[in-house]
Amino acid sequence: MKAIKKTEIEKFLPQVVSTQDIFDTELLIRIEKNGGKIKEIPAKVNEIRPSVSLIYKRIPRTIKSLIKLRIIFYKESLKTKNL
């Protein structure tokens, strides 16, 4: 489990473009890349309900989203280099 200050989340939330599977991943990457603090807290999780999405549908969607996110981060890095 991750713990992040509300102010950190509010600062980077407007920049997040992902809406589905990797929303939380993108938010964590943006916070960490910009020096924000993320605290990891050990937690035991016991899943009691079945998954909402089928794994064979989720894998391609997630890979596609990760590729898009990589392109977005690359373009953002070019913008900051050109400033």
PDB file of N, CA and C in Angstrom:
ATOM      1  N   MET A   1       0.848  -1.163   0.000  1.00  0.00           N
ATOM      2  CA  MET A   1       0.000   0.000   0.000  1.00  0.00           C
ATOM      3  C   MET A   1       0.900   1.235   0.000  1.00  0.00           C
ATOM      4  N   LYS A   2       0.448   2.266  -0.665  1.00  0.00           N
ATOM      5  CA  LYS A   2       1.212   3.509  -0.747  1.00  0.00           C
ATOM      6  C   LYS A   2       0.474   4.612   0.002  1.00  0.00           C
ATOM      7  N   ALA A   3       1.230   5.449   0.690  1.00  0.00           N
ATOM      8  CA  ALA A   3       0.663   6.611   1.377  1.00  0.00           C
ATOM      9  C   ALA A   3       1.312   7.863   0.802  1.00  0.00           C
ATOM     10  N   ILE A   4       0.464   8.793   0.384  1.00  0.00           N
ATOM     11  CA  ILE A   4       0.931  10.031  -0.231  1.00  0.00           C
ATOM     12  C   ILE A   4       0.126  11.174   0.369  1.00  0.00           C
ATOM     13  N   LYS A   5       0.801  12.282   0.642  1.00  0.00           N
ATOM     14  CA  LYS A   5       0.094  13.448   1.174  1.00  0.00           C
ATOM     15  C   LYS A   5      -0.898  13.971   0.138  1.00  0.00           C
ATOM     16  N   LYS A   6      -2.026  14.430   0.631  1.00  0.00           N
ATOM     17  CA  LYS A   6      -3.080  14.946  -0.236  1.00  0.00           C
ATOM     18  C   LYS A   6      -2.573  16.092  -1.109  1.00  0.00           C
ATOM     19  N   THR A   7      -1.707  16.926  -0.554  1.00  0.00           N
ATOM     20  CA  THR A   7      -1.179  18.060  -1.323  1.00  0.00           C
ATOM     21  C   THR A   7      -0.352  17.586  -2.516  1.00  0.00           C
ATOM     22  N   GLU A   8       0.385  16.481  -2.337  1.00  0.00           N
ATOM     23  CA  GLU A   8       1.174  15.916  -3.443  1.00  0.00           C
ATOM     24  C   GLU A   8       0.244  15.416  -4.544  1.00  0.00           C
ATOM     25  N   ILE A   9      -0.801  14.717  -4.136  1.00  0.00           N
ATOM     26  CA  ILE A   9      -1.751  14.192  -5.121  1.00  0.00           C
ATOM     27  C   ILE A   9      -2.411  15.336  -5.878  1.00  0.00           C
ATOM     28  N   GLU A  10      -2.857  16.349  -5.159  1.00  0.00           N
ATOM     29  CA  GLU A  10      -3.531  17.487  -5.796  1.00  0.00           C
ATOM     30  C   GLU A  10      -2.619  18.234  -6.764  1.00  0.00           C
ATOM     31  N   LYS A  11      -1.320  18.255  -6.453  1.00  0.00           N
ATOM     32  CA  LYS A  11      -0.364  18.961  -7.304  1.00  0.00           C
ATOM     33  C   LYS A  11      -0.209  18.270  -8.667  1.00  0.00           C
ATOM     34  N   PHE A  12      -0.215  16.936  -8.682  1.00  0.00           N
ATOM     35  CA  PHE A  12       0.069  16.198  -9.912  1.00  0.00           C
ATOM     36  C   PHE A  12      -1.166  15.615 -10.590  1.00  0.00           C
ATOM     37  N   LEU A  13      -2.280  15.579  -9.913  1.00  0.00           N
ATOM     38  CA  LEU A  13      -3.501  15.001 -10.476  1.00  0.00           C
ATOM     39  C   LEU A  13      -3.927  15.639 -11.798  1.00  0.00           C
ATOM     40  N   PRO A  14      -3.841  16.961 -11.956  1.00  0.00           N
ATOM     41  CA  PRO A  14      -4.243  17.556 -13.238  1.00  0.00           C
ATOM     42  C   PRO A  14      -3.380  17.108 -14.425  1.00  0.00           C
ATOM     43  N   GLN A  15      -2.171  16.625 -14.171  1.00  0.00           N
ATOM     44  CA  GLN A  15      -1.272  16.197 -15.244  1.00  0.00           C
ATOM     45  C   GLN A  15      -1.551  14.770 -15.712  1.00  0.00           C
ATOM     46  N   VAL A  16      -2.264  13.991 -14.912  1.00  0.00           N
ATOM     47  CA  VAL A  16      -2.501  12.580 -15.225  1.00  0.00           C
ATOM     48  C   VAL A  16      -3.456  12.463 -16.413  1.00  0.00           C
ATOM     49  N   VAL A  17      -3.039  11.687 -17.417  1.00  0.00           N
ATOM     50  CA  VAL A  17      -3.863  11.502 -18.609  1.00  0.00           C
ATOM     51  C   VAL A  17      -4.497  10.110 -18.674  1.00  0.00           C
ATOM     52  N   SER A  18      -3.954   9.157 -17.952  1.00  0.00           N
ATOM     53  CA  SER A  18      -4.490   7.794 -17.952  1.00  0.00           C
ATOM     54  C   SER A  18      -5.810   7.758 -17.195  1.00  0.00           C
ATOM     55  N   THR A  19      -6.729   6.962 -17.704  1.00  0.00           N
ATOM     56  CA  THR A  19      -8.043   6.910 -17.065  1.00  0.00           C
ATOM     57  C   THR A  19      -8.431   5.513 -16.595  1.00  0.00           C
ATOM     58  N   GLN A  20      -7.745   4.481 -17.048  1.00  0.00           N
ATOM     59  CA  GLN A  20      -8.169   3.134 -16.695  1.00  0.00           C
ATOM     60  C   GLN A  20      -7.135   2.423 -15.837  1.00  0.00           C
ATOM     61  N   ASP A  21      -6.589   1.368 -16.380  1.00  0.00           N
ATOM     62  CA  ASP A  21      -5.754   0.432 -15.632  1.00  0.00           C
ATOM     63  C   ASP A  21      -4.510   1.037 -14.994  1.00  0.00           C
ATOM     64  N   ILE A  22      -3.902   2.021 -15.627  1.00  0.00           N
ATOM     65  CA  ILE A  22      -2.621   2.511 -15.107  1.00  0.00           C
ATOM     66  C   ILE A  22      -2.701   3.920 -14.527  1.00  0.00           C
ATOM     67  N   PHE A  23      -3.895   4.359 -14.190  1.00  0.00           N
ATOM     68  CA  PHE A  23      -4.068   5.683 -13.585  1.00  0.00           C
ATOM     69  C   PHE A  23      -3.172   5.846 -12.362  1.00  0.00           C
ATOM     70  N   ASP A  24      -3.240   4.892 -11.441  1.00  0.00           N
ATOM     71  CA  ASP A  24      -2.453   4.981 -10.211  1.00  0.00           C
ATOM     72  C   ASP A  24      -0.960   4.900 -10.489  1.00  0.00           C
ATOM     73  N   THR A  25      -0.584   4.094 -11.477  1.00  0.00           N
ATOM     74  CA  THR A  25       0.827   3.971 -11.845  1.00  0.00           C
ATOM     75  C   THR A  25       1.365   5.302 -12.354  1.00  0.00           C
ATOM     76  N   GLU A  26       0.612   5.946 -13.228  1.00  0.00           N
ATOM     77  CA  GLU A  26       1.046   7.239 -13.760  1.00  0.00           C
ATOM     78  C   GLU A  26       1.166   8.278 -12.653  1.00  0.00           C
ATOM     79  N   LEU A  27       0.198   8.316 -11.762  1.00  0.00           N
ATOM     80  CA  LEU A  27       0.239   9.277 -10.661  1.00  0.00           C
ATOM     81  C   LEU A  27       1.485   9.061  -9.804  1.00  0.00           C
ATOM     82  N   LEU A  28       1.787   7.809  -9.471  1.00  0.00           N
ATOM     83  CA  LEU A  28       2.977   7.508  -8.670  1.00  0.00           C
ATOM     84  C   LEU A  28       4.258   7.901  -9.401  1.00  0.00           C
ATOM     85  N   ILE A  29       4.329   7.625 -10.690  1.00  0.00           N
ATOM     86  CA  ILE A  29       5.520   7.979 -11.469  1.00  0.00           C
ATOM     87  C   ILE A  29       5.718   9.491 -11.476  1.00  0.00           C
ATOM     88  N   ARG A  30       4.648  10.234 -11.705  1.00  0.00           N
ATOM     89  CA  ARG A  30       4.753  11.697 -11.750  1.00  0.00           C
ATOM     90  C   ARG A  30       5.203  12.262 -10.404  1.00  0.00           C
ATOM     91  N   ILE A  31       4.651  11.746  -9.328  1.00  0.00           N
ATOM     92  CA  ILE A  31       5.036  12.228  -8.001  1.00  0.00           C
ATOM     93  C   ILE A  31       6.499  11.909  -7.730  1.00  0.00           C
ATOM     94  N   GLU A  32       6.907  10.673  -8.008  1.00  0.00           N
ATOM     95  CA  GLU A  32       8.282  10.251  -7.730  1.00  0.00           C
ATOM     96  C   GLU A  32       9.295  10.991  -8.612  1.00  0.00           C
ATOM     97  N   LYS A  33       8.986  11.177  -9.907  1.00  0.00           N
ATOM     98  CA  LYS A  33       9.894  11.876 -10.823  1.00  0.00           C
ATOM     99  C   LYS A  33      10.154  13.314 -10.395  1.00  0.00           C
ATOM    100  N   ASN A  34       9.186  13.906  -9.716  1.00  0.00           N
ATOM    101  CA  ASN A  34       9.303  15.300  -9.309  1.00  0.00           C
ATOM    102  C   ASN A  34       9.699  15.460  -7.849  1.00  0.00           C
ATOM    103  N   GLY A  35      10.251  14.406  -7.269  1.00  0.00           N
ATOM    104  CA  GLY A  35      10.791  14.491  -5.916  1.00  0.00           C
ATOM    105  C   GLY A  35       9.779  14.382  -4.796  1.00  0.00           C
ATOM    106  N   GLY A  36       8.563  13.992  -5.110  1.00  0.00           N
ATOM    107  CA  GLY A  36       7.545  13.827  -4.068  1.00  0.00           C
ATOM    108  C   GLY A  36       7.830  12.603  -3.217  1.00  0.00           C
ATOM    109  N   LYS A  37       7.281  12.605  -2.024  1.00  0.00           N
ATOM    110  CA  LYS A  37       7.503  11.486  -1.110  1.00  0.00           C
ATOM    111  C   LYS A  37       6.342  10.503  -1.172  1.00  0.00           C
ATOM    112  N   ILE A  38       6.706   9.235  -1.302  1.00  0.00           N
ATOM    113  CA  ILE A  38       5.732   8.150  -1.299  1.00  0.00           C
ATOM    114  C   ILE A  38       6.155   7.174  -0.212  1.00  0.00           C
ATOM    115  N   LYS A  39       5.287   6.934   0.719  1.00  0.00           N
ATOM    116  CA  LYS A  39       5.581   6.017   1.821  1.00  0.00           C
ATOM    117  C   LYS A  39       4.922   4.680   1.518  1.00  0.00           C
ATOM    118  N   GLU A  40       5.708   3.610   1.620  1.00  0.00           N
ATOM    119  CA  GLU A  40       5.161   2.273   1.424  1.00  0.00           C
ATOM    120  C   GLU A  40       4.812   1.675   2.776  1.00  0.00           C
ATOM    121  N   ILE A  41       3.604   1.158   2.867  1.00  0.00           N
ATOM    122  CA  ILE A  41       3.116   0.577   4.110  1.00  0.00           C
ATOM    123  C   ILE A  41       2.777  -0.888   3.846  1.00  0.00           C
ATOM    124  N   PRO A  42       3.379  -1.811   4.603  1.00  0.00           N
ATOM    125  CA  PRO A  42       3.048  -3.231   4.414  1.00  0.00           C
ATOM    126  C   PRO A  42       1.569  -3.486   4.724  1.00  0.00           C
ATOM    127  N   ALA A  43       0.932  -4.277   3.885  1.00  0.00           N
ATOM    128  CA  ALA A  43      -0.481  -4.594   4.105  1.00  0.00           C
ATOM    129  C   ALA A  43      -0.782  -5.990   3.575  1.00  0.00           C
ATOM    130  N   LYS A  44      -1.631  -6.701   4.274  1.00  0.00           N
ATOM    131  CA  LYS A  44      -2.111  -7.997   3.801  1.00  0.00           C
ATOM    132  C   LYS A  44      -3.440  -7.766   3.102  1.00  0.00           C
ATOM    133  N   VAL A  45      -3.560  -8.325   1.907  1.00  0.00           N
ATOM    134  CA  VAL A  45      -4.790  -8.159   1.141  1.00  0.00           C
ATOM    135  C   VAL A  45      -5.376  -9.536   0.868  1.00  0.00           C
ATOM    136  N   ASN A  46      -6.642  -9.683   1.158  1.00  0.00           N
ATOM    137  CA  ASN A  46      -7.346 -10.928   0.890  1.00  0.00           C
ATOM    138  C   ASN A  46      -8.476 -10.622  -0.085  1.00  0.00           C
ATOM    139  N   GLU A  47      -8.267 -10.966  -1.354  1.00  0.00           N
ATOM    140  CA  GLU A  47      -9.286 -10.702  -2.374  1.00  0.00           C
ATOM    141  C   GLU A  47     -10.481 -11.614  -2.133  1.00  0.00           C
ATOM    142  N   ILE A  48     -11.647 -11.020  -1.978  1.00  0.00           N
ATOM    143  CA  ILE A  48     -12.836 -11.832  -1.728  1.00  0.00           C
ATOM    144  C   ILE A  48     -13.830 -11.783  -2.890  1.00  0.00           C
ATOM    145  N   ARG A  49     -13.580 -10.914  -3.838  1.00  0.00           N
ATOM    146  CA  ARG A  49     -14.469 -10.852  -5.001  1.00  0.00           C
ATOM    147  C   ARG A  49     -13.676 -11.181  -6.262  1.00  0.00           C
ATOM    148  N   PRO A  50     -14.329 -11.699  -7.262  1.00  0.00           N
ATOM    149  CA  PRO A  50     -13.620 -12.001  -8.511  1.00  0.00           C
ATOM    150  C   PRO A  50     -13.241 -10.716  -9.246  1.00  0.00           C
ATOM    151  N   SER A  51     -12.278 -10.844 -10.131  1.00  0.00           N
ATOM    152  CA  SER A  51     -11.821  -9.702 -10.919  1.00  0.00           C
ATOM    153  C   SER A  51     -12.948  -9.178 -11.805  1.00  0.00           C
ATOM    154  N   VAL A  52     -12.974  -7.868 -11.974  1.00  0.00           N
ATOM    155  CA  VAL A  52     -14.006  -7.239 -12.798  1.00  0.00           C
ATOM    156  C   VAL A  52     -13.703  -7.428 -14.284  1.00  0.00           C
ATOM    157  N   SER A  53     -12.421  -7.378 -14.656  1.00  0.00           N
ATOM    158  CA  SER A  53     -12.061  -7.512 -16.070  1.00  0.00           C
ATOM    159  C   SER A  53     -11.338  -8.833 -16.314  1.00  0.00           C
ATOM    160  N   LEU A  54     -11.513  -9.354 -17.504  1.00  0.00           N
ATOM    161  CA  LEU A  54     -10.855 -10.595 -17.880  1.00  0.00           C
ATOM    162  C   LEU A  54      -9.389 -10.315 -18.192  1.00  0.00           C
ATOM    163  N   ILE A  55      -8.510 -11.178 -17.714  1.00  0.00           N
ATOM    164  CA  ILE A  55      -7.069 -10.954 -17.839  1.00  0.00           C
ATOM    165  C   ILE A  55      -6.637 -10.890 -19.304  1.00  0.00           C
ATOM    166  N   TYR A  56      -7.212 -11.729 -20.164  1.00  0.00           N
ATOM    167  CA  TYR A  56      -6.792 -11.727 -21.567  1.00  0.00           C
ATOM    168  C   TYR A  56      -7.215 -10.448 -22.293  1.00  0.00           C
ATOM    169  N   LYS A  57      -8.176  -9.718 -21.748  1.00  0.00           N
ATOM    170  CA  LYS A  57      -8.544  -8.420 -22.318  1.00  0.00           C
ATOM    171  C   LYS A  57      -7.733  -7.291 -21.681  1.00  0.00           C
ATOM    172  N   ARG A  58      -7.381  -7.479 -20.428  1.00  0.00           N
ATOM    173  CA  ARG A  58      -6.687  -6.416 -19.701  1.00  0.00           C
ATOM    174  C   ARG A  58      -5.214  -6.296 -20.109  1.00  0.00           C
ATOM    175  N   ILE A  59      -4.560  -7.409 -20.387  1.00  0.00           N
ATOM    176  CA  ILE A  59      -3.126  -7.376 -20.720  1.00  0.00           C
ATOM    177  C   ILE A  59      -2.852  -6.505 -21.949  1.00  0.00           C
ATOM    178  N   PRO A  60      -3.512  -6.736 -23.094  1.00  0.00           N
ATOM    179  CA  PRO A  60      -3.233  -5.871 -24.254  1.00  0.00           C
ATOM    180  C   PRO A  60      -3.568  -4.401 -23.989  1.00  0.00           C
ATOM    181  N   ARG A  61      -4.658  -4.167 -23.264  1.00  0.00           N
ATOM    182  CA  ARG A  61      -5.067  -2.792 -22.949  1.00  0.00           C
ATOM    183  C   ARG A  61      -4.009  -2.102 -22.088  1.00  0.00           C
ATOM    184  N   THR A  62      -3.463  -2.835 -21.119  1.00  0.00           N
ATOM    185  CA  THR A  62      -2.445  -2.272 -20.240  1.00  0.00           C
ATOM    186  C   THR A  62      -1.148  -2.008 -20.998  1.00  0.00           C
ATOM    187  N   ILE A  63      -0.745  -2.934 -21.844  1.00  0.00           N
ATOM    188  CA  ILE A  63       0.474  -2.740 -22.644  1.00  0.00           C
ATOM    189  C   ILE A  63       0.320  -1.503 -23.536  1.00  0.00           C
ATOM    190  N   LYS A  64      -0.828  -1.381 -24.182  1.00  0.00           N
ATOM    191  CA  LYS A  64      -1.096  -0.218 -25.037  1.00  0.00           C
ATOM    192  C   LYS A  64      -1.034   1.075 -24.220  1.00  0.00           C
ATOM    193  N   SER A  65      -1.620   1.055 -23.033  1.00  0.00           N
ATOM    194  CA  SER A  65      -1.610   2.241 -22.163  1.00  0.00           C
ATOM    195  C   SER A  65      -0.198   2.589 -21.714  1.00  0.00           C
ATOM    196  N   LEU A  66       0.616   1.583 -21.406  1.00  0.00           N
ATOM    197  CA  LEU A  66       2.000   1.834 -20.987  1.00  0.00           C
ATOM    198  C   LEU A  66       2.821   2.437 -22.123  1.00  0.00           C
ATOM    199  N   ILE A  67       2.598   1.964 -23.337  1.00  0.00           N
ATOM    200  CA  ILE A  67       3.308   2.526 -24.493  1.00  0.00           C
ATOM    201  C   ILE A  67       2.910   3.989 -24.693  1.00  0.00           C
ATOM    202  N   LYS A  68       1.607   4.274 -24.611  1.00  0.00           N
ATOM    203  CA  LYS A  68       1.137   5.662 -24.734  1.00  0.00           C
ATOM    204  C   LYS A  68       1.753   6.540 -23.646  1.00  0.00           C
ATOM    205  N   LEU A  69       1.793   6.008 -22.426  1.00  0.00           N
ATOM    206  CA  LEU A  69       2.354   6.768 -21.309  1.00  0.00           C
ATOM    207  C   LEU A  69       3.837   7.043 -21.531  1.00  0.00           C
ATOM    208  N   ARG A  70       4.556   6.074 -22.042  1.00  0.00           N
ATOM    209  CA  ARG A  70       5.985   6.256 -22.326  1.00  0.00           C
ATOM    210  C   ARG A  70       6.181   7.362 -23.359  1.00  0.00           C
ATOM    211  N   ILE A  71       5.344   7.383 -24.379  1.00  0.00           N
ATOM    212  CA  ILE A  71       5.426   8.426 -25.409  1.00  0.00           C
ATOM    213  C   ILE A  71       5.135   9.795 -24.802  1.00  0.00           C
ATOM    214  N   ILE A  72       4.134   9.866 -23.945  1.00  0.00           N
ATOM    215  CA  ILE A  72       3.790  11.129 -23.282  1.00  0.00           C
ATOM    216  C   ILE A  72       4.957  11.627 -22.441  1.00  0.00           C
ATOM    217  N   PHE A  73       5.563  10.736 -21.649  1.00  0.00           N
ATOM    218  CA  PHE A  73       6.703  11.139 -20.818  1.00  0.00           C
ATOM    219  C   PHE A  73       7.886  11.569 -21.682  1.00  0.00           C
ATOM    220  N   TYR A  74       8.093  10.895 -22.808  1.00  0.00           N
ATOM    221  CA  TYR A  74       9.176  11.269 -23.712  1.00  0.00           C
ATOM    222  C   TYR A  74       8.946  12.676 -24.273  1.00  0.00           C
ATOM    223  N   LYS A  75       7.730  12.951 -24.728  1.00  0.00           N
ATOM    224  CA  LYS A  75       7.411  14.282 -25.266  1.00  0.00           C
ATOM    225  C   LYS A  75       7.551  15.360 -24.191  1.00  0.00           C
ATOM    226  N   GLU A  76       7.135  15.042 -22.967  1.00  0.00           N
ATOM    227  CA  GLU A  76       7.277  16.004 -21.869  1.00  0.00           C
ATOM    228  C   GLU A  76       8.745  16.278 -21.570  1.00  0.00           C
ATOM    229  N   SER A  77       9.588  15.249 -21.673  1.00  0.00           N
ATOM    230  CA  SER A  77      11.015  15.456 -21.408  1.00  0.00           C
ATOM    231  C   SER A  77      11.643  16.324 -22.492  1.00  0.00           C
ATOM    232  N   LEU A  78      11.178  16.199 -23.730  1.00  0.00           N
ATOM    233  CA  LEU A  78      11.684  17.051 -24.811  1.00  0.00           C
ATOM    234  C   LEU A  78      11.300  18.506 -24.580  1.00  0.00           C
ATOM    235  N   LYS A  79      10.078  18.735 -24.097  1.00  0.00           N
ATOM    236  CA  LYS A  79       9.629  20.100 -23.819  1.00  0.00           C
ATOM    237  C   LYS A  79      10.486  20.750 -22.744  1.00  0.00           C
ATOM    238  N   THR A  80      10.827  20.006 -21.693  1.00  0.00           N
ATOM    239  CA  THR A  80      11.623  20.587 -20.607  1.00  0.00           C
ATOM    240  C   THR A  80      13.064  20.817 -21.040  1.00  0.00           C
ATOM    241  N   LYS A  81      13.572  19.997 -21.965  1.00  0.00           N
ATOM    242  CA  LYS A  81      14.934  20.197 -22.465  1.00  0.00           C
ATOM    243  C   LYS A  81      15.022  21.438 -23.344  1.00  0.00           C
ATOM    244  N   ASN A  82      13.936  21.742 -24.047  1.00  0.00           N
ATOM    245  CA  ASN A  82      13.925  22.885 -24.962  1.00  0.00           C
ATOM    246  C   ASN A  82      13.662  24.211 -24.266  1.00  0.00           C
ATOM    247  N   LEU A  83      13.370  24.182 -22.982  1.00  0.00           N
ATOM    248  CA  LEU A  83      13.104  25.435 -22.264  1.00  0.00           C
ATOM    249  C   LEU A  83      14.354  26.125 -21.947  1.00  0.00           C
TER     250      LEU A  83
END
